Amino acid sequence: MRVTYSYESILRVVGRELAEASVHAISLRETAEGLVAEGLNRDLSTYQHTFTLGELCTLIDSTEGHVEDLFDAAPAHSLREFLARHEAVVAR
């Protein structure tokens, strides 16, 4: 099964991870490294995690099936570039 990489699939798996960790008051920010999630833990301490491109792919792969080798000789320099390269819908 071919995995679809899109903002929708990324937000779905990140949302699932944050819900399982009981994080609330969430803010997401796209960076060159991936997606930074900030929020509050159940005890009101600060939560911050950068979901790297590799981590996002692993999370999506584990929920949507197996995928071909997507990391070719020319690595993506941003999440937007990665999604564009793999024919995903990119918000503009």
Foldseek 3Di string as FASTA:
>chain_A
DAFADEVVLLCVLVVVVCVVQQFDPWDWDWDQQGIWIWGAGPVRDIDIDHCGPVNSVVSRCVVPHHHDDLADPDGRRGPQRSNVVVVYDYDD
